[in-house]
């Protein structure tokens, strides 16, 4: 059996994320919203920072219920800016609210999960990378999804954020081929 992808390190929290979540196909609309929002908060930071604060985020953001968050205003923004348990960035907090409203429109029209998955038609893309340096930061499909999200009213969803999101929610399998999780993810396709 091969070794895990090198980015997972040895911290039990990060290893569990790598082994149990990263790259597992996600089809739940609310869970997809959560992951996209967290990837937006991660911009400029390490994913490990967000992962350590994820439970705080979930508490502060009402379990990432877009229907609740869509009704928030300045009072909630100020509350979140005072919450040391999350990343306190006004633009990212306001984007989470704006994105919840956009999510509602998409969910009502087509379903957010279908909207996301239609960007990567068919089964999740199975890549065959052998080194971390081969894994791209963006892709044509991710770029197109980023553009569609922006057109739908989303913020903090640039091509790099969207590709990281695609990797995390199993739209693509970017585990290295030597990683034990590569074959497990491929079997889920």
N, C-alpha and C. Protein backbone atom coordinates (compact mmCIF):
# COMPACT_ATOMS: atom_id res chain seq x y z
N UNK A 1 0.85 -1.18 0.00
CA UNK A 1 0.00 0.00 0.00
C UNK A 1 0.89 1.24 0.00
N UNK A 2 0.54 2.23 -0.81
CA UNK A 2 1.34 3.43 -0.93
C UNK A 2 1.15 4.39 0.23
N UNK A 3 1.81 5.51 0.12
CA UNK A 3 1.71 6.54 1.14
C UNK A 3 0.65 7.56 0.77
N UNK A 4 0.09 8.21 1.78
CA UNK A 4 -0.88 9.28 1.56
C UNK A 4 -0.25 10.39 0.76
N UNK A 5 -1.09 11.20 0.17
CA UNK A 5 -0.64 12.42 -0.51
C UNK A 5 0.17 13.24 0.50
N UNK A 6 1.30 13.74 0.08
CA UNK A 6 2.23 14.43 0.98
C UNK A 6 1.66 15.63 1.69
N UNK A 7 0.66 16.28 1.10
CA UNK A 7 0.10 17.48 1.73
C UNK A 7 -0.64 17.17 3.03
N UNK A 8 -1.02 15.90 3.24
CA UNK A 8 -1.82 15.57 4.42
C UNK A 8 -1.01 15.57 5.72
N UNK A 9 0.31 15.49 5.61
CA UNK A 9 1.14 15.55 6.80
C UNK A 9 0.87 14.45 7.79
N UNK A 10 1.08 14.75 9.08
CA UNK A 10 0.90 13.74 10.13
C UNK A 10 -0.09 14.16 11.20
N UNK A 11 -0.55 15.40 11.17
CA UNK A 11 -1.53 15.86 12.16
C UNK A 11 -2.80 15.03 12.01
N UNK A 12 -3.31 14.44 13.10
CA UNK A 12 -4.48 13.58 13.01
C UNK A 12 -5.70 14.25 12.36
N UNK A 13 -5.90 15.53 12.60
CA UNK A 13 -7.03 16.25 12.00
C UNK A 13 -6.90 16.30 10.48
N UNK A 14 -5.71 16.61 10.01
CA UNK A 14 -5.46 16.70 8.57
C UNK A 14 -5.49 15.32 7.91
N UNK A 15 -4.93 14.33 8.59
CA UNK A 15 -4.93 12.96 8.05
C UNK A 15 -6.37 12.46 7.92
N UNK A 16 -7.19 12.71 8.95
CA UNK A 16 -8.59 12.28 8.89
C UNK A 16 -9.31 12.98 7.75
N UNK A 17 -9.06 14.27 7.57
CA UNK A 17 -9.69 15.00 6.46
C UNK A 17 -9.28 14.36 5.13
N UNK A 18 -8.00 14.10 4.96
CA UNK A 18 -7.51 13.47 3.73
C UNK A 18 -8.15 12.11 3.50
N UNK A 19 -8.17 11.29 4.55
CA UNK A 19 -8.62 9.91 4.40
C UNK A 19 -10.14 9.77 4.30
N UNK A 20 -10.88 10.64 4.97
CA UNK A 20 -12.33 10.44 5.08
C UNK A 20 -13.18 11.41 4.26
N UNK A 21 -12.62 12.56 3.90
CA UNK A 21 -13.45 13.58 3.25
C UNK A 21 -12.96 14.02 1.88
N UNK A 22 -11.68 14.36 1.78
CA UNK A 22 -11.17 15.00 0.58
C UNK A 22 -11.33 14.10 -0.65
N UNK A 23 -12.09 14.59 -1.59
CA UNK A 23 -12.29 13.84 -2.82
C UNK A 23 -13.47 12.90 -2.81
N UNK A 24 -14.19 12.81 -1.71
CA UNK A 24 -15.39 11.96 -1.67
C UNK A 24 -16.52 12.73 -2.36
N UNK A 25 -17.14 12.15 -3.39
CA UNK A 25 -18.21 12.86 -4.10
C UNK A 25 -19.34 13.30 -3.16
N UNK A 26 -19.60 14.60 -3.16
CA UNK A 26 -20.63 15.21 -2.31
C UNK A 26 -21.76 15.71 -3.20
N UNK A 27 -22.98 15.31 -2.88
CA UNK A 27 -24.14 15.72 -3.68
C UNK A 27 -25.18 16.50 -2.88
N UNK A 28 -24.95 16.67 -1.59
CA UNK A 28 -25.89 17.41 -0.75
C UNK A 28 -25.70 18.92 -0.98
N UNK A 29 -26.76 19.61 -1.37
CA UNK A 29 -26.67 21.03 -1.72
C UNK A 29 -26.16 21.88 -0.56
N UNK A 30 -26.63 21.62 0.65
CA UNK A 30 -26.18 22.40 1.80
C UNK A 30 -24.71 22.15 2.08
N UNK A 31 -24.29 20.92 2.01
CA UNK A 31 -22.88 20.58 2.25
C UNK A 31 -21.98 21.20 1.18
N UNK A 32 -22.46 21.24 -0.05
CA UNK A 32 -21.69 21.89 -1.11
C UNK A 32 -21.56 23.39 -0.85
N UNK A 33 -22.64 24.02 -0.39
CA UNK A 33 -22.58 25.43 -0.03
C UNK A 33 -21.53 25.64 1.07
N UNK A 34 -21.59 24.83 2.11
CA UNK A 34 -20.63 24.95 3.22
C UNK A 34 -19.21 24.88 2.71
N UNK A 35 -18.92 23.89 1.91
CA UNK A 35 -17.54 23.69 1.45
C UNK A 35 -17.10 24.85 0.57
N UNK A 36 -17.97 25.35 -0.28
CA UNK A 36 -17.60 26.47 -1.14
C UNK A 36 -17.32 27.72 -0.29
N UNK A 37 -18.14 27.95 0.73
CA UNK A 37 -17.94 29.09 1.61
C UNK A 37 -16.62 28.94 2.37
N UNK A 38 -16.36 27.77 2.90
CA UNK A 38 -15.10 27.56 3.63
C UNK A 38 -13.89 27.71 2.71
N UNK A 39 -14.00 27.25 1.48
CA UNK A 39 -12.89 27.45 0.54
C UNK A 39 -12.69 28.93 0.24
N UNK A 40 -13.77 29.70 0.22
CA UNK A 40 -13.64 31.14 0.06
C UNK A 40 -12.94 31.78 1.25
N UNK A 41 -13.27 31.33 2.46
CA UNK A 41 -12.60 31.84 3.65
C UNK A 41 -11.13 31.45 3.66
N UNK A 42 -10.80 30.34 3.04
CA UNK A 42 -9.42 29.87 3.03
C UNK A 42 -8.52 30.72 2.15
N UNK A 43 -9.07 31.46 1.20
CA UNK A 43 -8.25 32.26 0.28
C UNK A 43 -7.22 33.09 1.05
N UNK A 44 -5.96 32.90 0.71
CA UNK A 44 -4.88 33.62 1.36
C UNK A 44 -4.38 32.96 2.64
N UNK A 45 -5.01 31.88 3.04
CA UNK A 45 -4.64 31.16 4.25
C UNK A 45 -4.40 29.69 3.90
N UNK A 46 -4.00 28.91 4.88
CA UNK A 46 -3.86 27.47 4.65
C UNK A 46 -5.20 26.79 4.94
N UNK A 47 -5.44 25.68 4.26
CA UNK A 47 -6.66 24.93 4.53
C UNK A 47 -6.66 24.42 5.96
N UNK A 48 -5.47 24.13 6.48
CA UNK A 48 -5.38 23.63 7.86
C UNK A 48 -5.95 24.66 8.84
N UNK A 49 -5.73 25.94 8.58
CA UNK A 49 -6.29 26.99 9.44
C UNK A 49 -7.81 26.90 9.46
N UNK A 50 -8.40 26.72 8.30
CA UNK A 50 -9.86 26.62 8.20
C UNK A 50 -10.35 25.33 8.85
N UNK A 51 -9.66 24.25 8.59
CA UNK A 51 -10.05 22.95 9.15
C UNK A 51 -10.07 23.00 10.68
N UNK A 52 -9.06 23.63 11.28
CA UNK A 52 -9.02 23.75 12.75
C UNK A 52 -10.19 24.58 13.28
N UNK A 53 -10.68 25.52 12.49
CA UNK A 53 -11.76 26.41 12.92
C UNK A 53 -13.13 25.97 12.39
N UNK A 54 -13.19 24.86 11.67
CA UNK A 54 -14.43 24.48 10.99
C UNK A 54 -15.62 24.35 11.93
N UNK A 55 -15.45 23.74 13.08
CA UNK A 55 -16.58 23.61 14.01
C UNK A 55 -17.02 24.97 14.53
N UNK A 56 -16.07 25.88 14.74
CA UNK A 56 -16.44 27.25 15.12
C UNK A 56 -17.23 27.92 14.01
N UNK A 57 -16.80 27.73 12.77
CA UNK A 57 -17.53 28.28 11.63
C UNK A 57 -18.95 27.72 11.60
N UNK A 58 -19.06 26.43 11.77
CA UNK A 58 -20.39 25.81 11.72
C UNK A 58 -21.32 26.39 12.78
N UNK A 59 -20.78 26.60 13.96
CA UNK A 59 -21.58 27.19 15.04
C UNK A 59 -21.94 28.64 14.71
N UNK A 60 -20.96 29.42 14.29
CA UNK A 60 -21.17 30.84 14.02
C UNK A 60 -22.10 31.06 12.82
N UNK A 61 -22.09 30.14 11.86
CA UNK A 61 -22.87 30.28 10.63
C UNK A 61 -24.09 29.36 10.62
N UNK A 62 -24.69 29.12 11.75
CA UNK A 62 -25.96 28.39 11.85
C UNK A 62 -25.92 27.07 11.09
N UNK A 63 -24.82 26.32 11.26
CA UNK A 63 -24.71 25.04 10.56
C UNK A 63 -24.64 25.18 9.06
N UNK A 64 -24.26 26.35 8.59
CA UNK A 64 -24.20 26.65 7.16
C UNK A 64 -25.54 26.39 6.48
N UNK A 65 -26.61 26.78 7.14
CA UNK A 65 -27.94 26.69 6.54
C UNK A 65 -28.15 27.93 5.69
N UNK A 66 -28.10 27.78 4.37
CA UNK A 66 -28.21 28.96 3.50
C UNK A 66 -29.53 29.71 3.68
N UNK A 67 -30.60 29.00 4.02
CA UNK A 67 -31.89 29.66 4.20
C UNK A 67 -31.88 30.58 5.42
N UNK A 68 -31.11 30.25 6.43
CA UNK A 68 -30.97 31.12 7.60
C UNK A 68 -30.03 32.28 7.26
N UNK A 69 -28.88 31.95 6.71
CA UNK A 69 -27.85 32.95 6.42
C UNK A 69 -28.35 34.01 5.43
N UNK A 70 -29.18 33.60 4.49
CA UNK A 70 -29.69 34.54 3.48
C UNK A 70 -30.46 35.70 4.10
N UNK A 71 -31.00 35.51 5.28
CA UNK A 71 -31.76 36.56 5.95
C UNK A 71 -30.92 37.47 6.84
N UNK A 72 -29.64 37.22 6.91
CA UNK A 72 -28.78 38.01 7.78
C UNK A 72 -28.47 39.37 7.19
N UNK A 73 -28.10 40.29 8.09
CA UNK A 73 -27.74 41.65 7.71
C UNK A 73 -26.55 42.14 8.50
N UNK A 74 -26.48 43.44 8.68
CA UNK A 74 -25.32 44.07 9.33
C UNK A 74 -25.11 43.61 10.76
N UNK A 75 -26.18 43.35 11.51
CA UNK A 75 -26.02 42.90 12.90
C UNK A 75 -25.26 41.57 12.95
N UNK A 76 -25.59 40.66 12.05
CA UNK A 76 -24.89 39.36 12.02
C UNK A 76 -23.45 39.53 11.54
N UNK A 77 -23.23 40.42 10.59
CA UNK A 77 -21.87 40.69 10.12
C UNK A 77 -21.02 41.18 11.29
N UNK A 78 -21.55 42.13 12.06
CA UNK A 78 -20.81 42.66 13.22
C UNK A 78 -20.57 41.57 14.26
N UNK A 79 -21.57 40.71 14.49
CA UNK A 79 -21.39 39.60 15.44
C UNK A 79 -20.26 38.69 14.98
N UNK A 80 -20.23 38.37 13.70
CA UNK A 80 -19.21 37.48 13.16
C UNK A 80 -17.83 38.14 13.18
N UNK A 81 -17.77 39.43 12.94
CA UNK A 81 -16.49 40.14 12.98
C UNK A 81 -15.89 40.12 14.38
N UNK A 82 -16.71 39.95 15.39
CA UNK A 82 -16.24 39.90 16.77
C UNK A 82 -15.92 38.48 17.24
N UNK A 83 -16.16 37.49 16.40
CA UNK A 83 -16.00 36.08 16.78
C UNK A 83 -14.57 35.62 16.48
N UNK A 84 -13.75 35.49 17.50
CA UNK A 84 -12.35 35.08 17.33
C UNK A 84 -12.22 33.62 16.89
N UNK A 85 -13.28 32.86 16.91
CA UNK A 85 -13.22 31.45 16.53
C UNK A 85 -13.26 31.22 15.03
N UNK A 86 -13.49 32.29 14.25
CA UNK A 86 -13.54 32.16 12.79
C UNK A 86 -12.53 33.13 12.18
N UNK A 87 -12.44 33.13 10.88
CA UNK A 87 -11.64 34.13 10.17
C UNK A 87 -12.50 35.38 10.06
N UNK A 88 -12.02 36.46 10.65
CA UNK A 88 -12.80 37.69 10.72
C UNK A 88 -12.41 38.61 9.56
N UNK A 89 -13.08 38.43 8.46
CA UNK A 89 -12.82 39.20 7.23
C UNK A 89 -14.18 39.66 6.70
N UNK A 90 -14.41 40.97 6.77
CA UNK A 90 -15.72 41.51 6.39
C UNK A 90 -16.15 41.06 5.00
N UNK A 91 -15.27 41.15 4.03
CA UNK A 91 -15.64 40.79 2.67
C UNK A 91 -16.07 39.33 2.54
N UNK A 92 -15.38 38.45 3.23
CA UNK A 92 -15.71 37.03 3.17
C UNK A 92 -17.00 36.73 3.91
N UNK A 93 -17.22 37.42 5.03
CA UNK A 93 -18.47 37.24 5.78
C UNK A 93 -19.65 37.73 4.95
N UNK A 94 -19.51 38.92 4.38
CA UNK A 94 -20.59 39.46 3.55
C UNK A 94 -20.83 38.58 2.32
N UNK A 95 -19.76 38.00 1.78
CA UNK A 95 -19.91 37.10 0.63
C UNK A 95 -20.70 35.85 1.02
N UNK A 96 -20.49 35.33 2.22
CA UNK A 96 -21.23 34.15 2.66
C UNK A 96 -22.73 34.43 2.66
N UNK A 97 -23.11 35.64 3.04
CA UNK A 97 -24.53 36.03 3.05
C UNK A 97 -25.05 36.20 1.63
N UNK A 98 -24.30 36.93 0.82
CA UNK A 98 -24.66 37.10 -0.59
C UNK A 98 -24.76 35.75 -1.29
N UNK A 99 -23.81 34.87 -1.00
CA UNK A 99 -23.80 33.55 -1.63
C UNK A 99 -24.97 32.69 -1.18
N UNK A 100 -25.42 32.87 0.06
CA UNK A 100 -26.60 32.13 0.53
C UNK A 100 -27.83 32.52 -0.28
N UNK A 101 -27.94 33.80 -0.59
CA UNK A 101 -29.07 34.27 -1.40
C UNK A 101 -28.98 33.73 -2.83
N UNK A 102 -27.77 33.71 -3.38
CA UNK A 102 -27.58 33.13 -4.72
C UNK A 102 -27.86 31.62 -4.69
N UNK A 103 -27.43 30.96 -3.62
CA UNK A 103 -27.70 29.52 -3.46
C UNK A 103 -29.21 29.27 -3.49
N UNK A 104 -29.97 30.10 -2.78
CA UNK A 104 -31.43 29.93 -2.74
C UNK A 104 -32.03 30.00 -4.14
N UNK A 105 -31.58 30.96 -4.93
CA UNK A 105 -32.10 31.09 -6.30
C UNK A 105 -31.79 29.85 -7.14
N UNK A 106 -30.55 29.39 -7.04
CA UNK A 106 -30.14 28.21 -7.82
C UNK A 106 -30.86 26.97 -7.31
N UNK A 107 -30.94 26.82 -6.00
CA UNK A 107 -31.60 25.65 -5.41
C UNK A 107 -33.06 25.59 -5.84
N UNK A 108 -33.73 26.73 -5.87
CA UNK A 108 -35.14 26.76 -6.27
C UNK A 108 -35.32 26.46 -7.75
N UNK A 109 -34.36 26.89 -8.56
CA UNK A 109 -34.49 26.73 -10.02
C UNK A 109 -34.10 25.34 -10.49
N UNK A 110 -32.90 24.90 -10.12
CA UNK A 110 -32.35 23.66 -10.67
C UNK A 110 -31.80 22.71 -9.62
N UNK A 111 -31.64 23.20 -8.43
CA UNK A 111 -30.93 22.44 -7.40
C UNK A 111 -29.45 22.79 -7.46
N UNK A 112 -28.89 23.19 -6.33
CA UNK A 112 -27.49 23.61 -6.30
C UNK A 112 -26.57 22.45 -6.64
N UNK A 113 -26.87 21.26 -6.16
CA UNK A 113 -26.03 20.10 -6.47
C UNK A 113 -25.97 19.85 -7.97
N UNK A 114 -27.11 19.89 -8.63
CA UNK A 114 -27.12 19.68 -10.09
C UNK A 114 -26.34 20.79 -10.80
N UNK A 115 -26.48 22.02 -10.32
CA UNK A 115 -25.76 23.15 -10.89
C UNK A 115 -24.25 22.90 -10.81
N UNK A 116 -23.78 22.46 -9.66
CA UNK A 116 -22.35 22.20 -9.46
C UNK A 116 -21.89 21.02 -10.30
N UNK A 117 -22.59 19.91 -10.19
CA UNK A 117 -22.14 18.69 -10.86
C UNK A 117 -22.24 18.77 -12.38
N UNK A 118 -23.11 19.62 -12.91
CA UNK A 118 -23.21 19.74 -14.36
C UNK A 118 -21.95 20.36 -14.98
N UNK A 119 -21.13 21.00 -14.17
CA UNK A 119 -19.89 21.59 -14.66
C UNK A 119 -18.83 20.53 -14.96
N UNK A 120 -18.97 19.38 -14.35
CA UNK A 120 -18.05 18.27 -14.56
C UNK A 120 -18.90 17.08 -15.01
N UNK A 121 -19.35 17.10 -16.27
CA UNK A 121 -20.33 16.11 -16.72
C UNK A 121 -19.84 14.66 -16.57
N UNK A 122 -20.82 13.83 -16.30
CA UNK A 122 -20.51 12.41 -16.12
C UNK A 122 -19.96 12.16 -14.73
N UNK A 123 -19.18 11.14 -14.63
CA UNK A 123 -18.58 10.76 -13.34
C UNK A 123 -17.44 11.72 -12.99
N UNK A 124 -17.04 11.72 -11.72
CA UNK A 124 -15.90 12.56 -11.35
C UNK A 124 -14.68 12.26 -12.23
N UNK A 125 -13.96 13.30 -12.55
CA UNK A 125 -12.76 13.13 -13.37
C UNK A 125 -11.69 12.39 -12.58
N UNK A 126 -11.12 11.38 -13.20
CA UNK A 126 -10.06 10.58 -12.56
C UNK A 126 -8.72 11.00 -13.16
N UNK A 127 -7.96 11.74 -12.41
CA UNK A 127 -6.63 12.14 -12.87
C UNK A 127 -5.63 11.09 -12.43
N UNK A 128 -4.46 11.13 -13.00
CA UNK A 128 -3.44 10.12 -12.70
C UNK A 128 -2.11 10.80 -12.40
N UNK A 129 -2.11 11.63 -11.36
CA UNK A 129 -0.90 12.35 -10.99
C UNK A 129 -0.05 11.48 -10.07
N UNK A 130 1.26 11.54 -10.29
CA UNK A 130 2.19 10.76 -9.47
C UNK A 130 2.99 11.64 -8.52
N UNK A 131 2.96 12.96 -8.74
CA UNK A 131 3.70 13.91 -7.89
C UNK A 131 2.80 15.10 -7.60
N UNK A 132 2.96 15.68 -6.40
CA UNK A 132 2.14 16.83 -6.02
C UNK A 132 2.30 17.98 -7.01
N UNK A 133 3.49 18.16 -7.53
CA UNK A 133 3.76 19.24 -8.47
C UNK A 133 2.99 19.14 -9.78
N UNK A 134 2.44 17.99 -10.08
CA UNK A 134 1.66 17.81 -11.31
C UNK A 134 0.22 18.28 -11.17
N UNK A 135 -0.25 18.41 -9.96
CA UNK A 135 -1.65 18.76 -9.72
C UNK A 135 -1.86 20.23 -10.03
N UNK A 136 -2.81 20.54 -10.92
CA UNK A 136 -3.02 21.94 -11.29
C UNK A 136 -3.76 22.72 -10.21
N UNK A 137 -3.67 24.04 -10.31
CA UNK A 137 -4.41 24.91 -9.40
C UNK A 137 -5.76 25.29 -9.97
N UNK A 138 -5.93 25.08 -11.27
CA UNK A 138 -7.19 25.39 -11.96
C UNK A 138 -7.39 24.37 -13.07
N UNK A 139 -8.57 24.41 -13.68
CA UNK A 139 -8.85 23.56 -14.84
C UNK A 139 -9.88 24.28 -15.69
N UNK A 140 -10.01 23.91 -16.95
CA UNK A 140 -11.04 24.55 -17.78
C UNK A 140 -12.45 24.40 -17.20
N UNK A 141 -12.75 23.22 -16.65
CA UNK A 141 -14.08 23.00 -16.06
C UNK A 141 -14.27 23.86 -14.81
N UNK A 142 -13.24 23.94 -14.00
CA UNK A 142 -13.30 24.77 -12.80
C UNK A 142 -13.43 26.24 -13.14
N UNK A 143 -12.71 26.67 -14.18
CA UNK A 143 -12.80 28.06 -14.63
C UNK A 143 -14.22 28.38 -15.09
N UNK A 144 -14.82 27.45 -15.83
CA UNK A 144 -16.19 27.65 -16.32
C UNK A 144 -17.18 27.68 -15.16
N UNK A 145 -16.99 26.80 -14.17
CA UNK A 145 -17.88 26.80 -13.01
C UNK A 145 -17.73 28.10 -12.22
N UNK A 146 -16.50 28.57 -12.06
CA UNK A 146 -16.27 29.84 -11.38
C UNK A 146 -17.04 30.96 -12.07
N UNK A 147 -16.97 30.99 -13.38
CA UNK A 147 -17.67 32.03 -14.15
C UNK A 147 -19.19 31.92 -13.97
N UNK A 148 -19.71 30.69 -14.00
CA UNK A 148 -21.16 30.49 -13.80
C UNK A 148 -21.60 30.90 -12.41
N UNK A 149 -20.79 30.57 -11.40
CA UNK A 149 -21.11 30.97 -10.03
C UNK A 149 -21.15 32.49 -9.91
N UNK A 150 -20.17 33.15 -10.48
CA UNK A 150 -20.13 34.62 -10.43
C UNK A 150 -21.34 35.22 -11.14
N UNK A 151 -21.69 34.65 -12.28
CA UNK A 151 -22.87 35.13 -13.02
C UNK A 151 -24.14 34.93 -12.21
N UNK A 152 -24.15 33.92 -11.35
CA UNK A 152 -25.31 33.64 -10.50
C UNK A 152 -25.32 34.49 -9.23
N UNK A 153 -24.27 35.29 -9.02
CA UNK A 153 -24.24 36.19 -7.88
C UNK A 153 -23.28 35.81 -6.77
N UNK A 154 -22.51 34.75 -6.94
CA UNK A 154 -21.55 34.33 -5.93
C UNK A 154 -20.32 35.21 -5.93
N UNK A 155 -19.71 35.32 -4.75
CA UNK A 155 -18.44 36.03 -4.58
C UNK A 155 -17.45 35.10 -3.90
N UNK A 156 -16.17 35.45 -3.98
CA UNK A 156 -15.09 34.62 -3.45
C UNK A 156 -15.18 33.21 -4.03
N UNK A 157 -15.25 33.17 -5.34
CA UNK A 157 -15.33 31.89 -6.05
C UNK A 157 -14.51 31.96 -7.34
N UNK A 158 -13.29 32.45 -7.22
CA UNK A 158 -12.41 32.51 -8.37
C UNK A 158 -11.97 31.12 -8.81
N UNK A 159 -11.29 31.02 -9.93
CA UNK A 159 -10.90 29.71 -10.48
C UNK A 159 -10.09 28.83 -9.53
N UNK A 160 -9.16 29.41 -8.77
CA UNK A 160 -8.36 28.60 -7.85
C UNK A 160 -9.20 28.08 -6.69
N UNK A 161 -10.06 28.94 -6.15
CA UNK A 161 -10.96 28.52 -5.07
C UNK A 161 -11.88 27.42 -5.57
N UNK A 162 -12.43 27.59 -6.76
CA UNK A 162 -13.38 26.62 -7.30
C UNK A 162 -12.69 25.29 -7.59
N UNK A 163 -11.44 25.32 -8.07
CA UNK A 163 -10.77 24.05 -8.32
C UNK A 163 -10.47 23.33 -7.00
N UNK A 164 -10.06 24.06 -5.97
CA UNK A 164 -9.84 23.44 -4.65
C UNK A 164 -11.15 22.83 -4.15
N UNK A 165 -12.23 23.54 -4.35
CA UNK A 165 -13.57 23.04 -4.01
C UNK A 165 -13.87 21.76 -4.78
N UNK A 166 -13.59 21.77 -6.10
CA UNK A 166 -13.84 20.59 -6.94
C UNK A 166 -13.06 19.38 -6.44
N UNK A 167 -11.83 19.61 -6.02
CA UNK A 167 -11.03 18.51 -5.47
C UNK A 167 -11.66 17.99 -4.18
N UNK A 168 -12.05 18.90 -3.33
CA UNK A 168 -12.56 18.51 -2.00
C UNK A 168 -13.87 17.76 -2.08
N UNK A 169 -14.76 18.15 -3.01
CA UNK A 169 -16.09 17.54 -3.06
C UNK A 169 -16.18 16.42 -4.10
N UNK A 170 -15.04 15.98 -4.60
CA UNK A 170 -15.01 14.81 -5.45
C UNK A 170 -15.40 15.01 -6.90
N UNK A 171 -15.43 16.24 -7.37
CA UNK A 171 -15.67 16.46 -8.80
C UNK A 171 -14.49 15.94 -9.61
N UNK A 172 -13.32 15.98 -8.98
CA UNK A 172 -12.10 15.42 -9.57
C UNK A 172 -11.41 14.57 -8.51
N UNK A 173 -10.68 13.58 -8.95
CA UNK A 173 -9.89 12.75 -8.05
C UNK A 173 -8.43 13.15 -8.25
N UNK A 174 -7.93 13.99 -7.36
CA UNK A 174 -6.55 14.44 -7.44
C UNK A 174 -5.67 13.83 -6.37
N UNK A 175 -6.11 12.72 -5.76
CA UNK A 175 -5.19 11.96 -4.92
C UNK A 175 -4.10 11.43 -5.85
N UNK A 176 -2.88 11.37 -5.37
CA UNK A 176 -1.81 10.78 -6.17
C UNK A 176 -2.11 9.31 -6.39
N UNK A 177 -1.69 8.78 -7.51
CA UNK A 177 -1.98 7.38 -7.82
C UNK A 177 -1.35 6.42 -6.82
N UNK A 178 -0.31 6.86 -6.12
CA UNK A 178 0.34 6.01 -5.11
C UNK A 178 -0.38 6.05 -3.76
N UNK A 179 -1.34 6.95 -3.62
CA UNK A 179 -2.07 7.10 -2.36
C UNK A 179 -3.17 6.04 -2.26
N UNK A 180 -3.33 5.42 -1.09
CA UNK A 180 -4.39 4.42 -0.92
C UNK A 180 -5.79 4.97 -1.22
N UNK A 181 -5.97 6.26 -1.02
CA UNK A 181 -7.29 6.86 -1.25
C UNK A 181 -7.60 7.03 -2.74
N UNK A 182 -6.61 7.01 -3.59
CA UNK A 182 -6.85 7.16 -5.02
C UNK A 182 -7.84 6.11 -5.53
N UNK A 183 -7.55 4.85 -5.27
CA UNK A 183 -8.43 3.78 -5.75
C UNK A 183 -9.79 3.81 -5.05
N UNK A 184 -9.82 4.19 -3.78
CA UNK A 184 -11.09 4.28 -3.07
C UNK A 184 -11.99 5.35 -3.70
N UNK A 185 -11.40 6.49 -4.05
CA UNK A 185 -12.19 7.56 -4.69
C UNK A 185 -12.62 7.14 -6.09
N UNK A 186 -11.73 6.48 -6.81
CA UNK A 186 -12.07 6.04 -8.15
C UNK A 186 -13.23 5.06 -8.13
N UNK A 187 -13.30 4.25 -7.09
CA UNK A 187 -14.40 3.27 -6.96
C UNK A 187 -15.74 3.96 -6.69
N UNK A 188 -15.71 5.21 -6.19
CA UNK A 188 -16.93 5.95 -5.92
C UNK A 188 -17.49 6.63 -7.17
N UNK A 189 -16.70 6.69 -8.20
CA UNK A 189 -17.09 7.40 -9.43
C UNK A 189 -18.22 6.70 -10.15
